[in-house]
Amino acid sequence: MFQKIEILLFMENRMVRKKVSLNQLVEQLFNVPVPPNPSEGGNYEAKPTPTTIRPNAKAAHFYSYHAKRLNISMQDMMSLTLNAVASATQEPVMTELQLAVDRFKYLFEAHRVPQIHVKQIIDSYGQNNFPLGGMSNDKILLEQYTPALKEALSKIFGVRTDWLSGIGNNPIIADPIYSRDYAFSVWNQLNHPVKLSGMSIDNRTLLLVKADNDPGLHVDDLDYPFEILLFNINEYVVDDHMRFKTYHLNGIFPLSNKEARIGLQSILFSLRRCDSSLNIQGAIYSQDVIINIKLGLLPADSISSNFPTLWDAENTLGSNCEPDIQMLSDLLIATD
């Protein structure tokens, strides 16, 4: 994907800043396929053609600014842009169907699931009957790629169905949580994990992630992380030789917000009161990992391939038992 460029548009006598991707410009300006070069296939060496380009004042300023930013000449900047436009019009665009196929296969690859186990995992949820040949034959895969199958994958791996369909760009959405009421949906997920027929859950972990450069907060004489990314991780046992983990992002809790702080602390306090078998673990990841998750990338990619530093999340966040936390904890436990 080409880097997004910013174009200044004048509307209603006011300057309005609008982001337009280069792909959008290409689609509008160059929607006619370029015929093949008659010299292709032979020993043809491309030679630069003398060309005079006269951009207007706005375009010249645009190229000049980005040339200085990239520390290249203005001529090189214009050349890079033109080459990118030509390349974009000649390269085939991946269709939604092909995207859906690629994402289907990538989902299992990212979670370290061998192809031979894909059918067993899909069929363990709902009324699916996925053919074994679907992993090696795209036509068979698409014929069986029903809404029920996508819903199963969404529930098992915590990804969005529009991404599985090749439409959406992000497999997850990392939303900030600003309401203590959200604790009820998290509590329900923790106490009722996705059940897969013929498989057991060996380990369940509530993972509280913070960045290695987290500035921290000091509130009511207590020190907290600035924000927490909360994950529910389940490890499923397929057979004696095969296990896989799923990573569900529950949300981002900005602890500077009192409602978010009470919601998260109430969950931890409730788990401690219930003597739950759920493991509570704090992890510190690099800022790159945090950014990838916030951009909506697969948590399995961002988390499982990195080694975190651990921190005592339970004692840092779960030791506070203010009246609001106690009351919400009572409500959570009562709903179970």
C-alpha atoms as a PDB file:
ATOM      1  CA  MET A   1       0.000   0.000   0.000  1.00  0.00           C
ATOM      2  CA  PHE A   2       1.317   3.377  -0.907  1.00  0.00           C
ATOM      3  CA  GLN A   3       1.942   5.908   1.801  1.00  0.00           C
ATOM      4  CA  LYS A   4      -0.956   8.290   2.180  1.00  0.00           C
ATOM      5  CA  ILE A   5      -0.283  11.768   0.899  1.00  0.00           C
ATOM      6  CA  GLU A   6      -1.991  14.959   1.948  1.00  0.00           C
ATOM      7  CA  ILE A   7      -3.508  17.303  -0.610  1.00  0.00           C
ATOM      8  CA  LEU A   8      -4.682  20.813   0.129  1.00  0.00           C
ATOM      9  CA  LEU A   9      -8.110  21.535  -1.279  1.00  0.00           C
ATOM     10  CA  PHE A  10      -9.775  24.925  -1.301  1.00  0.00           C
ATOM     11  CA  MET A  11     -13.532  24.762  -0.640  1.00  0.00           C
ATOM     12  CA  GLU A  12     -15.905  27.608   0.075  1.00  0.00           C
ATOM     13  CA  ASN A  13     -12.973  30.051   0.304  1.00  0.00           C
ATOM     14  CA  ARG A  14     -11.521  28.040   3.208  1.00  0.00           C
ATOM     15  CA  MET A  15      -8.541  25.740   3.189  1.00  0.00           C
ATOM     16  CA  VAL A  16      -9.666  22.205   4.089  1.00  0.00           C
ATOM     17  CA  ARG A  17      -7.120  19.486   4.680  1.00  0.00           C
ATOM     18  CA  LYS A  18      -8.141  16.164   3.212  1.00  0.00           C
ATOM     19  CA  LYS A  19      -6.239  12.868   3.117  1.00  0.00           C
ATOM     20  CA  VAL A  20      -6.366  11.101  -0.213  1.00  0.00           C
ATOM     21  CA  SER A  21      -4.493   7.883  -0.862  1.00  0.00           C
ATOM     22  CA  LEU A  22      -2.398   7.514  -3.975  1.00  0.00           C
ATOM     23  CA  ASN A  23      -4.421   4.433  -4.873  1.00  0.00           C
ATOM     24  CA  GLN A  24      -7.567   6.577  -4.998  1.00  0.00           C
ATOM     25  CA  LEU A  25      -5.861   9.046  -7.323  1.00  0.00           C
ATOM     26  CA  VAL A  26      -4.689   6.212  -9.531  1.00  0.00           C
ATOM     27  CA  GLU A  27      -8.192   4.775  -9.732  1.00  0.00           C
ATOM     28  CA  GLN A  28      -9.649   8.122 -10.775  1.00  0.00           C
ATOM     29  CA  LEU A  29      -6.946   9.220 -13.187  1.00  0.00           C
ATOM     30  CA  PHE A  30      -5.660   5.997 -14.692  1.00  0.00           C
ATOM     31  CA  ASN A  31      -8.611   3.641 -14.959  1.00  0.00           C
ATOM     32  CA  VAL A  32      -7.664   2.482 -18.468  1.00  0.00           C
ATOM     33  CA  PRO A  33      -5.247  -0.503 -18.631  1.00  0.00           C
ATOM     34  CA  VAL A  34      -1.875   0.205 -20.226  1.00  0.00           C
ATOM     35  CA  PRO A  35      -1.218  -2.034 -23.263  1.00  0.00           C
ATOM     36  CA  PRO A  36       1.817  -4.334 -22.997  1.00  0.00           C
ATOM     37  CA  ASN A  37       5.184  -3.019 -24.097  1.00  0.00           C
ATOM     38  CA  PRO A  38       5.945  -4.489 -27.557  1.00  0.00           C
ATOM     39  CA  SER A  39       9.598  -4.807 -26.543  1.00  0.00           C
ATOM     40  CA  GLU A  40       8.843  -6.986 -23.510  1.00  0.00           C
ATOM     41  CA  GLY A  41      10.251 -10.481 -23.718  1.00  0.00           C
ATOM     42  CA  GLY A  42      13.386  -9.494 -25.570  1.00  0.00           C
ATOM     43  CA  ASN A  43      16.722  -8.090 -24.501  1.00  0.00           C
ATOM     44  CA  TYR A  44      15.313  -4.668 -23.963  1.00  0.00           C
ATOM     45  CA  GLU A  45      16.993  -2.143 -21.723  1.00  0.00           C
ATOM     46  CA  ALA A  46      14.747   0.699 -20.643  1.00  0.00           C
ATOM     47  CA  LYS A  47      16.251   4.104 -21.242  1.00  0.00           C
ATOM     48  CA  PRO A  48      15.008   7.317 -19.735  1.00  0.00           C
ATOM     49  CA  THR A  49      12.955   9.406 -22.124  1.00  0.00           C
ATOM     50  CA  PRO A  50      13.623  13.148 -22.105  1.00  0.00           C
ATOM     51  CA  THR A  51      10.480  14.654 -20.655  1.00  0.00           C
ATOM     52  CA  THR A  52       9.609  18.128 -19.506  1.00  0.00           C
ATOM     53  CA  ILE A  53       7.120  18.294 -16.645  1.00  0.00           C
ATOM     54  CA  ARG A  54       5.704  21.648 -15.587  1.00  0.00           C
ATOM     55  CA  PRO A  55       3.805  21.303 -12.287  1.00  0.00           C
ATOM     56  CA  ASN A  56       1.764  24.239 -11.093  1.00  0.00           C
ATOM     57  CA  ALA A  57       2.763  26.189  -7.989  1.00  0.00           C
ATOM     58  CA  LYS A  58       0.865  23.977  -5.549  1.00  0.00           C
ATOM     59  CA  ALA A  59       2.239  20.744  -7.011  1.00  0.00           C
ATOM     60  CA  ALA A  60       5.759  22.162  -7.112  1.00  0.00           C
ATOM     61  CA  HIS A  61       5.498  23.097  -3.440  1.00  0.00           C
ATOM     62  CA  PHE A  62       4.186  19.621  -2.635  1.00  0.00           C
ATOM     63  CA  TYR A  63       7.066  17.852  -4.415  1.00  0.00           C
ATOM     64  CA  SER A  64       9.631  20.266  -2.998  1.00  0.00           C
ATOM     65  CA  TYR A  65       8.457  19.740   0.579  1.00  0.00           C
ATOM     66  CA  HIS A  66       8.508  15.930   0.405  1.00  0.00           C
ATOM     67  CA  ALA A  67      11.820  15.915  -1.467  1.00  0.00           C
ATOM     68  CA  LYS A  68      13.437  17.855   1.376  1.00  0.00           C
ATOM     69  CA  ARG A  69      11.758  15.605   3.930  1.00  0.00           C
ATOM     70  CA  LEU A  70      13.190  12.491   2.254  1.00  0.00           C
ATOM     71  CA  ASN A  71      16.519  14.199   1.485  1.00  0.00           C
ATOM     72  CA  ILE A  72      16.294  13.591  -2.244  1.00  0.00           C
ATOM     73  CA  SER A  73      16.132  15.898  -5.238  1.00  0.00           C
ATOM     74  CA  MET A  74      12.829  17.259  -6.465  1.00  0.00           C
ATOM     75  CA  GLN A  75      13.369  15.475  -9.786  1.00  0.00           C
ATOM     76  CA  ASP A  76      13.843  12.143  -7.983  1.00  0.00           C
ATOM     77  CA  MET A  77      10.714  12.802  -5.933  1.00  0.00           C
ATOM     78  CA  MET A  78       8.636  13.386  -9.063  1.00  0.00           C
ATOM     79  CA  SER A  79      10.163  10.319 -10.673  1.00  0.00           C
ATOM     80  CA  LEU A  80       9.294   8.131  -7.693  1.00  0.00           C
ATOM     81  CA  THR A  81       5.714   9.394  -7.773  1.00  0.00           C
ATOM     82  CA  LEU A  82       5.266   8.752 -11.474  1.00  0.00           C
ATOM     83  CA  ASN A  83       6.798   5.280 -11.210  1.00  0.00           C
ATOM     84  CA  ALA A  84       4.478   4.461  -8.340  1.00  0.00           C
ATOM     85  CA  VAL A  85       1.440   5.578 -10.339  1.00  0.00           C
ATOM     86  CA  ALA A  86       2.476   3.465 -13.328  1.00  0.00           C
ATOM     87  CA  SER A  87       3.152   0.459 -11.122  1.00  0.00           C
ATOM     88  CA  ALA A  88      -0.200   0.762  -9.381  1.00  0.00           C
ATOM     89  CA  THR A  89      -2.113   0.759 -12.660  1.00  0.00           C
ATOM     90  CA  GLN A  90      -0.344  -2.337 -13.991  1.00  0.00           C
ATOM     91  CA  GLU A  91      -0.309  -4.563 -10.904  1.00  0.00           C
ATOM     92  CA  PRO A  92      -3.482  -6.659 -10.507  1.00  0.00           C
ATOM     93  CA  VAL A  93      -5.669  -5.734  -7.546  1.00  0.00           C
ATOM     94  CA  MET A  94      -6.441  -8.589  -5.150  1.00  0.00           C
ATOM     95  CA  THR A  95     -10.147  -9.341  -5.143  1.00  0.00           C
ATOM     96  CA  GLU A  96     -12.263  -9.694  -2.011  1.00  0.00           C
ATOM     97  CA  LEU A  97     -12.552 -13.425  -2.697  1.00  0.00           C
ATOM     98  CA  GLN A  98      -8.796 -13.887  -2.826  1.00  0.00           C
ATOM     99  CA  LEU A  99      -8.391 -11.741   0.283  1.00  0.00           C
ATOM    100  CA  ALA A 100     -10.939 -13.909   2.084  1.00  0.00           C
ATOM    101  CA  VAL A 101      -9.043 -17.069   1.124  1.00  0.00           C
ATOM    102  CA  ASP A 102      -5.678 -15.634   2.146  1.00  0.00           C
ATOM    103  CA  ARG A 103      -6.998 -14.376   5.473  1.00  0.00           C
ATOM    104  CA  PHE A 104      -8.674 -17.681   6.229  1.00  0.00           C
ATOM    105  CA  LYS A 105      -5.382 -19.530   5.783  1.00  0.00           C
ATOM    106  CA  TYR A 106      -3.350 -16.855   7.527  1.00  0.00           C
ATOM    107  CA  LEU A 107      -5.607 -16.958  10.586  1.00  0.00           C
ATOM    108  CA  PHE A 108      -4.618 -20.555  11.288  1.00  0.00           C
ATOM    109  CA  GLU A 109      -1.000 -19.956  10.374  1.00  0.00           C
ATOM    110  CA  ALA A 110      -0.743 -17.032  12.825  1.00  0.00           C
ATOM    111  CA  HIS A 111      -2.171 -19.215  15.615  1.00  0.00           C
ATOM    112  CA  ARG A 112       0.294 -22.019  14.840  1.00  0.00           C
ATOM    113  CA  VAL A 113      -2.395 -24.455  13.721  1.00  0.00           C
ATOM    114  CA  PRO A 114      -1.267 -27.093  11.191  1.00  0.00           C
ATOM    115  CA  GLN A 115      -3.517 -27.457   8.167  1.00  0.00           C
ATOM    116  CA  ILE A 116      -4.416 -31.027   9.103  1.00  0.00           C
ATOM    117  CA  HIS A 117      -6.236 -29.741  12.224  1.00  0.00           C
ATOM    118  CA  VAL A 118      -8.212 -26.940  10.559  1.00  0.00           C
ATOM    119  CA  LYS A 119     -11.259 -29.080   9.785  1.00  0.00           C
ATOM    120  CA  GLN A 120     -11.395 -30.432  13.345  1.00  0.00           C
ATOM    121  CA  ILE A 121     -11.290 -26.938  14.852  1.00  0.00           C
ATOM    122  CA  ILE A 122     -13.930 -25.496  12.521  1.00  0.00           C
ATOM    123  CA  ASP A 123     -16.275 -28.447  12.974  1.00  0.00           C
ATOM    124  CA  SER A 124     -15.948 -28.204  16.768  1.00  0.00           C
ATOM    125  CA  TYR A 125     -18.104 -25.060  16.808  1.00  0.00           C
ATOM    126  CA  GLY A 126     -21.661 -24.876  15.511  1.00  0.00           C
ATOM    127  CA  GLN A 127     -22.990 -27.055  12.721  1.00  0.00           C
ATOM    128  CA  ASN A 128     -20.076 -26.752  10.327  1.00  0.00           C
ATOM    129  CA  ASN A 129     -18.765 -29.606   8.200  1.00  0.00           C
ATOM    130  CA  PHE A 130     -15.672 -28.213   6.546  1.00  0.00           C
ATOM    131  CA  PRO A 131     -14.105 -30.449   3.865  1.00  0.00           C
ATOM    132  CA  LEU A 132     -10.483 -31.441   4.426  1.00  0.00           C
ATOM    133  CA  GLY A 133      -9.662 -30.487   0.834  1.00  0.00           C
ATOM    134  CA  GLY A 134     -10.628 -26.880   1.516  1.00  0.00           C
ATOM    135  CA  MET A 135      -7.117 -26.068   2.687  1.00  0.00           C
ATOM    136  CA  SER A 136      -5.537 -27.145  -0.580  1.00  0.00           C
ATOM    137  CA  ASN A 137      -8.267 -26.119  -3.023  1.00  0.00           C
ATOM    138  CA  ASP A 138      -9.429 -22.496  -2.993  1.00  0.00           C
ATOM    139  CA  LYS A 139     -12.575 -23.289  -4.976  1.00  0.00           C
ATOM    140  CA  ILE A 140     -13.697 -25.853  -2.402  1.00  0.00           C
ATOM    141  CA  LEU A 141     -12.844 -23.424   0.403  1.00  0.00           C
ATOM    142  CA  LEU A 142     -14.978 -20.637  -1.066  1.00  0.00           C
ATOM    143  CA  GLU A 143     -17.899 -22.970  -1.690  1.00  0.00           C
ATOM    144  CA  GLN A 144     -17.883 -23.843   2.025  1.00  0.00           C
ATOM    145  CA  TYR A 145     -17.125 -20.312   3.272  1.00  0.00           C
ATOM    146  CA  THR A 146     -20.586 -19.790   4.734  1.00  0.00           C
ATOM    147  CA  PRO A 147     -21.702 -17.103   7.196  1.00  0.00           C
ATOM    148  CA  ALA A 148     -21.860 -19.827   9.857  1.00  0.00           C
ATOM    149  CA  LEU A 149     -18.224 -20.751   9.223  1.00  0.00           C
ATOM    150  CA  LYS A 150     -17.098 -17.116   9.447  1.00  0.00           C
ATOM    151  CA  GLU A 151     -19.084 -16.694  12.646  1.00  0.00           C
ATOM    152  CA  ALA A 152     -17.324 -19.746  14.093  1.00  0.00           C
ATOM    153  CA  LEU A 153     -13.907 -18.330  13.235  1.00  0.00           C
ATOM    154  CA  SER A 154     -14.906 -14.965  14.676  1.00  0.00           C
ATOM    155  CA  LYS A 155     -15.999 -16.527  17.985  1.00  0.00           C
ATOM    156  CA  ILE A 156     -13.036 -18.896  18.290  1.00  0.00           C
ATOM    157  CA  PHE A 157     -10.258 -16.452  17.383  1.00  0.00           C
ATOM    158  CA  GLY A 158     -11.834 -13.129  18.330  1.00  0.00           C
ATOM    159  CA  VAL A 159     -11.635 -11.557  14.862  1.00  0.00           C
ATOM    160  CA  ARG A 160     -14.142  -9.545  12.851  1.00  0.00           C
ATOM    161  CA  THR A 161     -16.318 -11.243  10.238  1.00  0.00           C
ATOM    162  CA  ASP A 162     -15.923  -8.369   7.757  1.00  0.00           C
ATOM    163  CA  TRP A 163     -12.149  -8.906   7.818  1.00  0.00           C
ATOM    164  CA  LEU A 164     -12.675 -12.623   7.220  1.00  0.00           C
ATOM    165  CA  SER A 165     -14.871 -11.696   4.239  1.00  0.00           C
ATOM    166  CA  GLY A 166     -12.068  -9.669   2.649  1.00  0.00           C
ATOM    167  CA  ILE A 167     -13.911  -6.384   3.216  1.00  0.00           C
ATOM    168  CA  GLY A 168     -12.636  -4.836   6.450  1.00  0.00           C
ATOM    169  CA  ASN A 169      -8.998  -3.896   6.883  1.00  0.00           C
ATOM    170  CA  ASN A 170      -8.558  -4.803  10.551  1.00  0.00           C
ATOM    171  CA  PRO A 171      -9.085  -8.218  12.173  1.00  0.00           C
ATOM    172  CA  ILE A 172      -9.758  -6.562  15.534  1.00  0.00           C
ATOM    173  CA  ILE A 173     -10.811  -3.151  16.824  1.00  0.00           C
ATOM    174  CA  ALA A 174      -8.903  -1.811  19.809  1.00  0.00           C
ATOM    175  CA  ASP A 175     -11.447   0.453  21.474  1.00  0.00           C
ATOM    176  CA  PRO A 176     -10.741   2.483  24.617  1.00  0.00           C
ATOM    177  CA  ILE A 177     -13.076   1.599  27.496  1.00  0.00           C
ATOM    178  CA  TYR A 178     -14.571   4.489  29.438  1.00  0.00           C
ATOM    179  CA  SER A 179     -17.450   2.803  31.277  1.00  0.00           C
ATOM    180  CA  ARG A 180     -17.443   0.541  34.317  1.00  0.00           C
ATOM    181  CA  ASP A 181     -20.465  -1.235  32.800  1.00  0.00           C
ATOM    182  CA  TYR A 182     -18.147  -2.831  30.252  1.00  0.00           C
ATOM    183  CA  ALA A 183     -16.853  -5.026  33.102  1.00  0.00           C
ATOM    184  CA  PHE A 184     -19.987  -7.174  32.740  1.00  0.00           C
ATOM    185  CA  SER A 185     -19.186  -8.256  29.168  1.00  0.00           C
ATOM    186  CA  VAL A 186     -15.559  -8.990  30.114  1.00  0.00           C
ATOM    187  CA  TRP A 187     -16.697 -10.950  33.165  1.00  0.00           C
ATOM    188  CA  ASN A 188     -19.059 -12.994  31.003  1.00  0.00           C
ATOM    189  CA  GLN A 189     -16.262 -13.838  28.548  1.00  0.00           C
ATOM    190  CA  LEU A 190     -13.960 -14.878  31.374  1.00  0.00           C
ATOM    191  CA  ASN A 191     -16.520 -17.177  32.977  1.00  0.00           C
ATOM    192  CA  HIS A 192     -17.950 -18.564  29.737  1.00  0.00           C
ATOM    193  CA  PRO A 193     -15.085 -19.179  27.295  1.00  0.00           C
ATOM    194  CA  VAL A 194     -15.839 -20.508  23.822  1.00  0.00           C
ATOM    195  CA  LYS A 195     -16.496 -24.240  24.064  1.00  0.00           C
ATOM    196  CA  LEU A 196     -15.175 -26.427  21.269  1.00  0.00           C
ATOM    197  CA  SER A 197     -16.604 -29.910  20.894  1.00  0.00           C
ATOM    198  CA  GLY A 198     -14.022 -32.619  21.527  1.00  0.00           C
ATOM    199  CA  MET A 199     -11.469 -30.160  22.923  1.00  0.00           C
ATOM    200  CA  SER A 200     -10.653 -29.022  26.432  1.00  0.00           C
ATOM    201  CA  ILE A 201      -9.170 -25.790  27.730  1.00  0.00           C
ATOM    202  CA  ASP A 202      -5.975 -26.481  29.623  1.00  0.00           C
ATOM    203  CA  ASN A 203      -4.955 -22.946  30.568  1.00  0.00           C
ATOM    204  CA  ARG A 204      -6.835 -19.668  30.781  1.00  0.00           C
ATOM    205  CA  THR A 205      -5.035 -16.384  31.315  1.00  0.00           C
ATOM    206  CA  LEU A 206      -6.161 -12.826  31.844  1.00  0.00           C
ATOM    207  CA  LEU A 207      -3.248 -10.851  30.408  1.00  0.00           C
ATOM    208  CA  LEU A 208      -2.785  -7.205  31.381  1.00  0.00           C
ATOM    209  CA  VAL A 209      -0.416  -5.543  28.923  1.00  0.00           C
ATOM    210  CA  LYS A 210       1.335  -2.205  29.282  1.00  0.00           C
ATOM    211  CA  ALA A 211       4.018  -0.497  27.190  1.00  0.00           C
ATOM    212  CA  ASP A 212       7.668  -0.441  28.230  1.00  0.00           C
ATOM    213  CA  ASN A 213       7.603   3.357  28.089  1.00  0.00           C
ATOM    214  CA  ASP A 214       4.318   3.724  30.005  1.00  0.00           C
ATOM    215  CA  PRO A 215       4.560   7.046  31.892  1.00  0.00           C
ATOM    216  CA  GLY A 216       2.411   5.782  34.767  1.00  0.00           C
ATOM    217  CA  LEU A 217      -0.152   7.578  36.942  1.00  0.00           C
ATOM    218  CA  HIS A 218      -0.272   8.605  40.579  1.00  0.00           C
ATOM    219  CA  VAL A 219      -3.877   8.645  41.777  1.00  0.00           C
ATOM    220  CA  ASP A 220      -5.069   8.744  45.396  1.00  0.00           C
ATOM    221  CA  ASP A 221      -1.572   7.919  46.668  1.00  0.00           C
ATOM    222  CA  LEU A 222      -1.409   4.837  44.427  1.00  0.00           C
ATOM    223  CA  ASP A 223       0.710   4.269  41.311  1.00  0.00           C
ATOM    224  CA  TYR A 224      -0.960   2.835  38.222  1.00  0.00           C
ATOM    225  CA  PRO A 225       0.053   2.218  34.616  1.00  0.00           C
ATOM    226  CA  PHE A 226      -1.200   4.849  32.194  1.00  0.00           C
ATOM    227  CA  GLU A 227      -3.263   2.331  30.206  1.00  0.00           C
ATOM    228  CA  ILE A 228      -3.865  -1.415  30.104  1.00  0.00           C
ATOM    229  CA  LEU A 229      -4.611  -3.644  27.119  1.00  0.00           C
ATOM    230  CA  LEU A 230      -6.682  -6.513  28.483  1.00  0.00           C
ATOM    231  CA  PHE A 231      -6.536  -9.940  26.811  1.00  0.00           C
ATOM    232  CA  ASN A 232      -8.336 -13.185  27.476  1.00  0.00           C
ATOM    233  CA  ILE A 233      -6.074 -16.062  26.381  1.00  0.00           C
ATOM    234  CA  ASN A 234      -7.323 -19.657  26.128  1.00  0.00           C
ATOM    235  CA  GLU A 235      -5.163 -22.673  25.368  1.00  0.00           C
ATOM    236  CA  TYR A 236      -7.129 -25.473  23.698  1.00  0.00           C
ATOM    237  CA  VAL A 237      -6.027 -29.117  23.659  1.00  0.00           C
ATOM    238  CA  VAL A 238      -6.696 -30.699  20.259  1.00  0.00           C
ATOM    239  CA  ASP A 239      -4.931 -34.001  20.954  1.00  0.00           C
ATOM    240  CA  ASP A 240      -1.851 -35.320  22.756  1.00  0.00           C
ATOM    241  CA  HIS A 241       0.453 -33.552  20.315  1.00  0.00           C
ATOM    242  CA  MET A 242      -1.431 -30.410  19.343  1.00  0.00           C
ATOM    243  CA  ARG A 243      -2.470 -27.292  21.278  1.00  0.00           C
ATOM    244  CA  PHE A 244      -3.213 -23.770  20.195  1.00  0.00           C
ATOM    245  CA  LYS A 245      -3.923 -20.454  21.913  1.00  0.00           C
ATOM    246  CA  THR A 246      -6.528 -17.823  21.114  1.00  0.00           C
ATOM    247  CA  TYR A 247      -6.114 -14.146  21.993  1.00  0.00           C
ATOM    248  CA  HIS A 248      -9.238 -12.068  22.595  1.00  0.00           C
ATOM    249  CA  LEU A 249      -8.701  -8.358  23.111  1.00  0.00           C
ATOM    250  CA  ASN A 250     -11.246  -7.127  25.658  1.00  0.00           C
ATOM    251  CA  GLY A 251     -10.320  -3.484  25.181  1.00  0.00           C
ATOM    252  CA  ILE A 252      -7.911  -0.738  26.180  1.00  0.00           C
ATOM    253  CA  PHE A 253      -8.428   0.657  29.681  1.00  0.00           C
ATOM    254  CA  PRO A 254      -7.060   4.217  30.099  1.00  0.00           C
ATOM    255  CA  LEU A 255      -6.592   4.293  33.866  1.00  0.00           C
ATOM    256  CA  SER A 256      -6.648   8.077  33.988  1.00  0.00           C
ATOM    257  CA  ASN A 257     -10.403   7.588  33.499  1.00  0.00           C
ATOM    258  CA  LYS A 258     -12.006   6.680  36.836  1.00  0.00           C
ATOM    259  CA  GLU A 259     -14.789   4.596  35.255  1.00  0.00           C
ATOM    260  CA  ALA A 260     -12.304   2.484  33.320  1.00  0.00           C
ATOM    261  CA  ARG A 261     -10.154   2.091  36.413  1.00  0.00           C
ATOM    262  CA  ILE A 262     -13.078   0.950  38.577  1.00  0.00           C
ATOM    263  CA  GLY A 263     -14.216  -1.522  35.904  1.00  0.00           C
ATOM    264  CA  LEU A 264     -10.803  -3.147  35.571  1.00  0.00           C
ATOM    265  CA  GLN A 265     -10.128  -3.233  39.316  1.00  0.00           C
ATOM    266  CA  SER A 266     -13.557  -4.749  39.952  1.00  0.00           C
ATOM    267  CA  ILE A 267     -12.804  -7.602  37.563  1.00  0.00           C
ATOM    268  CA  LEU A 268      -9.540  -8.380  39.340  1.00  0.00           C
ATOM    269  CA  PHE A 269     -11.141  -8.052  42.780  1.00  0.00           C
ATOM    270  CA  SER A 270     -13.967 -10.390  41.757  1.00  0.00           C
ATOM    271  CA  LEU A 271     -11.568 -13.011  40.436  1.00  0.00           C
ATOM    272  CA  ARG A 272      -9.655 -12.956  43.704  1.00  0.00           C
ATOM    273  CA  ARG A 273     -12.889 -13.357  45.713  1.00  0.00           C
ATOM    274  CA  CYS A 274     -14.025 -16.290  43.572  1.00  0.00           C
ATOM    275  CA  ASP A 275     -10.699 -18.110  43.860  1.00  0.00           C
ATOM    276  CA  SER A 276     -10.804 -18.521  40.091  1.00  0.00           C
ATOM    277  CA  SER A 277      -8.481 -20.912  38.254  1.00  0.00           C
ATOM    278  CA  LEU A 278      -7.889 -18.132  35.754  1.00  0.00           C
ATOM    279  CA  ASN A 279      -4.262 -17.010  35.696  1.00  0.00           C
ATOM    280  CA  ILE A 280      -3.740 -13.262  36.112  1.00  0.00           C
ATOM    281  CA  GLN A 281      -0.553 -12.123  34.424  1.00  0.00           C
ATOM    282  CA  GLY A 282       0.983  -8.731  33.732  1.00  0.00           C
ATOM    283  CA  ALA A 283       3.216  -8.286  30.686  1.00  0.00           C
ATOM    284  CA  ILE A 284       5.303  -5.393  29.394  1.00  0.00           C
ATOM    285  CA  TYR A 285       5.810  -5.178  25.629  1.00  0.00           C
ATOM    286  CA  SER A 286       7.638  -2.732  23.410  1.00  0.00           C
ATOM    287  CA  GLN A 287       5.867   0.286  22.004  1.00  0.00           C
ATOM    288  CA  ASP A 288       5.943  -1.348  18.550  1.00  0.00           C
ATOM    289  CA  VAL A 289       3.820  -4.256  19.822  1.00  0.00           C
ATOM    290  CA  ILE A 290       1.359  -1.859  21.463  1.00  0.00           C
ATOM    291  CA  ILE A 291       1.047   0.203  18.269  1.00  0.00           C
ATOM    292  CA  ASN A 292       0.446  -2.917  16.153  1.00  0.00           C
ATOM    293  CA  ILE A 293      -2.409  -3.971  18.417  1.00  0.00           C
ATOM    294  CA  LYS A 294      -3.907  -0.474  18.407  1.00  0.00           C
ATOM    295  CA  LEU A 295      -3.766  -0.524  14.599  1.00  0.00           C
ATOM    296  CA  GLY A 296      -5.944  -3.628  14.664  1.00  0.00           C
ATOM    297  CA  LEU A 297      -3.382  -6.295  13.758  1.00  0.00           C
ATOM    298  CA  LEU A 298      -3.803  -9.881  14.917  1.00  0.00           C
ATOM    299  CA  PRO A 299      -2.851 -10.178  18.592  1.00  0.00           C
ATOM    300  CA  ALA A 300      -1.446 -13.643  17.868  1.00  0.00           C
ATOM    301  CA  ASP A 301       1.150 -11.994  15.634  1.00  0.00           C
ATOM    302  CA  SER A 302       1.947  -9.151  17.997  1.00  0.00           C
ATOM    303  CA  ILE A 303       2.055 -11.097  21.259  1.00  0.00           C
ATOM    304  CA  SER A 304       3.102 -14.684  20.630  1.00  0.00           C
ATOM    305  CA  SER A 305       6.191 -13.743  18.614  1.00  0.00           C
ATOM    306  CA  ASN A 306       7.609 -11.451  21.326  1.00  0.00           C
ATOM    307  CA  PHE A 307       9.010 -12.067  24.783  1.00  0.00           C
ATOM    308  CA  PRO A 308       7.607  -9.731  27.441  1.00  0.00           C
ATOM    309  CA  THR A 309       8.859  -8.519  30.776  1.00  0.00           C
ATOM    310  CA  LEU A 310       6.490  -9.507  33.580  1.00  0.00           C
ATOM    311  CA  TRP A 311       4.968  -7.239  36.233  1.00  0.00           C
ATOM    312  CA  ASP A 312       2.687  -7.802  39.242  1.00  0.00           C
ATOM    313  CA  ALA A 313      -0.613  -6.635  37.778  1.00  0.00           C
ATOM    314  CA  GLU A 314      -2.821  -8.281  40.392  1.00  0.00           C
ATOM    315  CA  ASN A 315      -1.269  -6.564  43.403  1.00  0.00           C
ATOM    316  CA  THR A 316      -0.807  -3.261  41.596  1.00  0.00           C
ATOM    317  CA  LEU A 317      -4.424  -2.993  40.443  1.00  0.00           C
ATOM    318  CA  GLY A 318      -6.404  -5.514  42.489  1.00  0.00           C
ATOM    319  CA  SER A 319      -5.478  -4.432  45.997  1.00  0.00           C
ATOM    320  CA  ASN A 320      -7.815  -1.431  46.007  1.00  0.00           C
ATOM    321  CA  CYS A 321     -11.276  -2.197  47.423  1.00  0.00           C
ATOM    322  CA  GLU A 322     -13.062   1.161  47.467  1.00  0.00           C
ATOM    323  CA  PRO A 323     -16.887   1.126  47.909  1.00  0.00           C
ATOM    324  CA  ASP A 324     -17.468   1.552  44.148  1.00  0.00           C
ATOM    325  CA  ILE A 325     -15.193  -1.386  43.385  1.00  0.00           C
ATOM    326  CA  GLN A 326     -16.787  -3.522  46.091  1.00  0.00           C
ATOM    327  CA  MET A 327     -20.296  -2.741  44.827  1.00  0.00           C
ATOM    328  CA  LEU A 328     -19.478  -3.509  41.184  1.00  0.00           C
ATOM    329  CA  SER A 329     -17.695  -6.693  42.246  1.00  0.00           C
ATOM    330  CA  ASP A 330     -20.821  -7.833  44.091  1.00  0.00           C
ATOM    331  CA  LEU A 331     -22.886  -7.223  40.961  1.00  0.00           C
ATOM    332  CA  LEU A 332     -20.433  -9.127  38.754  1.00  0.00           C
ATOM    333  CA  ILE A 333     -20.422 -12.160  40.991  1.00  0.00           C
ATOM    334  CA  ALA A 334     -24.214 -12.074  41.289  1.00  0.00           C
ATOM    335  CA  THR A 335     -24.628 -12.220  37.492  1.00  0.00           C
ATOM    336  CA  ASP A 336     -22.609 -15.409  37.142  1.00  0.00           C
END
